[in-house]
Protein backbone atom coordinates (compact mmCIF):
# COMPACT_ATOMS: atom_id res chain seq x y z
CA MET A 1 -1.64 -13.40 -5.38
CA VAL A 2 -4.59 -12.45 -3.22
CA LYS A 3 -4.75 -12.06 0.56
CA SER A 4 -6.10 -15.58 1.18
CA GLU A 5 -3.20 -17.10 -0.79
CA LEU A 6 -0.72 -15.00 1.19
CA ILE A 7 -2.29 -16.26 4.41
CA GLU A 8 -1.98 -19.90 3.31
CA ILE A 9 1.67 -19.47 2.28
CA LEU A 10 2.53 -17.75 5.57
CA ALA A 11 0.74 -20.47 7.55
CA SER A 12 2.68 -23.15 5.69
CA LYS A 13 6.12 -21.52 5.87
CA ALA A 14 5.85 -20.30 9.47
CA ASP A 15 4.19 -23.52 10.68
CA VAL A 16 1.20 -21.69 12.19
CA THR A 17 -2.52 -22.17 11.71
CA SER A 18 -4.41 -20.26 9.03
CA PRO A 19 -6.29 -18.13 11.60
CA GLN A 20 -2.97 -17.20 13.25
CA ALA A 21 -1.46 -16.31 9.87
CA GLU A 22 -4.55 -14.25 9.00
CA GLU A 23 -4.23 -12.37 12.29
CA LEU A 24 -0.55 -11.60 11.55
CA ILE A 25 -1.36 -10.36 8.03
CA ASN A 26 -4.21 -8.21 9.33
CA MET A 27 -1.96 -6.77 12.05
CA PHE A 28 0.66 -5.90 9.43
CA PHE A 29 -1.84 -4.13 7.16
CA ASP A 30 -3.49 -2.35 10.11
CA THR A 31 -0.09 -1.15 11.36
CA VAL A 32 0.93 0.15 7.92
CA SER A 33 -2.44 1.89 7.50
CA GLU A 34 -2.19 3.45 10.95
CA ALA A 35 1.37 4.65 10.35
CA LEU A 36 0.40 6.23 7.03
CA THR A 37 -2.52 7.95 8.70
CA GLU A 38 -0.36 9.34 11.51
CA ASP A 39 3.19 9.80 10.22
CA GLY A 40 2.83 9.37 6.50
CA ARG A 41 5.71 6.93 5.83
CA VAL A 42 6.52 3.22 6.14
CA GLU A 43 9.86 2.04 4.75
CA ILE A 44 10.98 -1.56 4.40
CA ARG A 45 14.61 -1.42 3.25
CA GLY A 46 15.21 -3.26 0.00
CA PHE A 47 11.48 -3.79 -0.54
CA GLY A 48 10.00 -0.33 -0.83
CA ALA A 49 8.29 2.54 0.91
CA PHE A 50 4.75 3.71 1.40
CA THR A 51 4.34 7.46 1.68
CA VAL A 52 1.46 9.88 1.62
CA ARG A 53 1.31 12.41 -1.19
CA LYS A 54 -0.67 15.61 -0.81
CA TYR A 55 -2.57 16.97 -3.79
CA LYS A 56 -3.80 20.55 -3.98
CA SER A 57 -7.39 21.41 -4.76
CA TYR A 58 -8.20 22.21 -8.36
CA ASP A 59 -11.10 22.99 -10.66
CA GLY A 60 -12.33 20.01 -12.61
CA ARG A 61 -15.23 19.29 -14.93
CA ASN A 62 -18.12 16.87 -14.68
CA PRO A 63 -17.56 14.62 -17.72
CA LYS A 64 -21.31 14.19 -18.34
CA THR A 65 -22.42 17.79 -18.11
CA GLY A 66 -19.21 19.73 -18.57
CA GLU A 67 -20.09 21.67 -15.41
CA LYS A 68 -17.10 23.14 -13.57
CA ILE A 69 -16.65 21.64 -10.11
CA GLY A 70 -14.14 22.21 -7.34
CA VAL A 71 -12.09 19.16 -6.36
CA PRO A 72 -10.90 19.48 -2.75
CA GLU A 73 -7.31 18.85 -1.69
CA LYS A 74 -6.58 15.27 -0.76
CA LYS A 75 -3.92 12.89 0.53
CA LEU A 76 -3.33 9.53 -1.15
CA PRO A 77 -1.01 6.63 -0.37
CA PHE A 78 1.91 6.20 -2.76
CA TRP A 79 4.24 3.21 -3.21
CA LYS A 80 7.87 3.43 -4.31
CA THR A 81 9.62 0.15 -5.04
CA GLY A 82 13.01 -0.45 -3.43
CA LEU A 83 16.11 -1.05 -5.53
CA GLU A 84 16.62 -4.67 -4.43
CA LEU A 85 13.02 -5.64 -5.24
CA ARG A 86 13.16 -3.81 -8.56
CA GLN A 87 16.35 -5.68 -9.53
CA ARG A 88 14.96 -9.02 -8.40
CA VAL A 89 11.77 -8.61 -10.42
CA ASP A 90 13.81 -7.46 -13.42
CA GLY A 91 15.97 -10.61 -13.13
CA LEU A 92 19.13 -8.75 -12.17
CA GLY A 93 19.34 -9.81 -8.55
């Protein structure tokens, strides 16, 4: 499913217009992104949790030249699936 399909399904199920559904979806994604940027965690019980993982800097290599390069530390979003969703997808729930 892509974002436009999600918007159409939400519009249909919630009996709102497509632009209203798109605004709601965008607000949700913006809020999650903002929370991850500030606090580093968004948990939706039974569905899953977004967290931010910190990675230390390390020495890497340029694959073309073999030259040693320093890779700076970074933070990346990480998703952990909730138990209920995992069971539902696996056909157990």
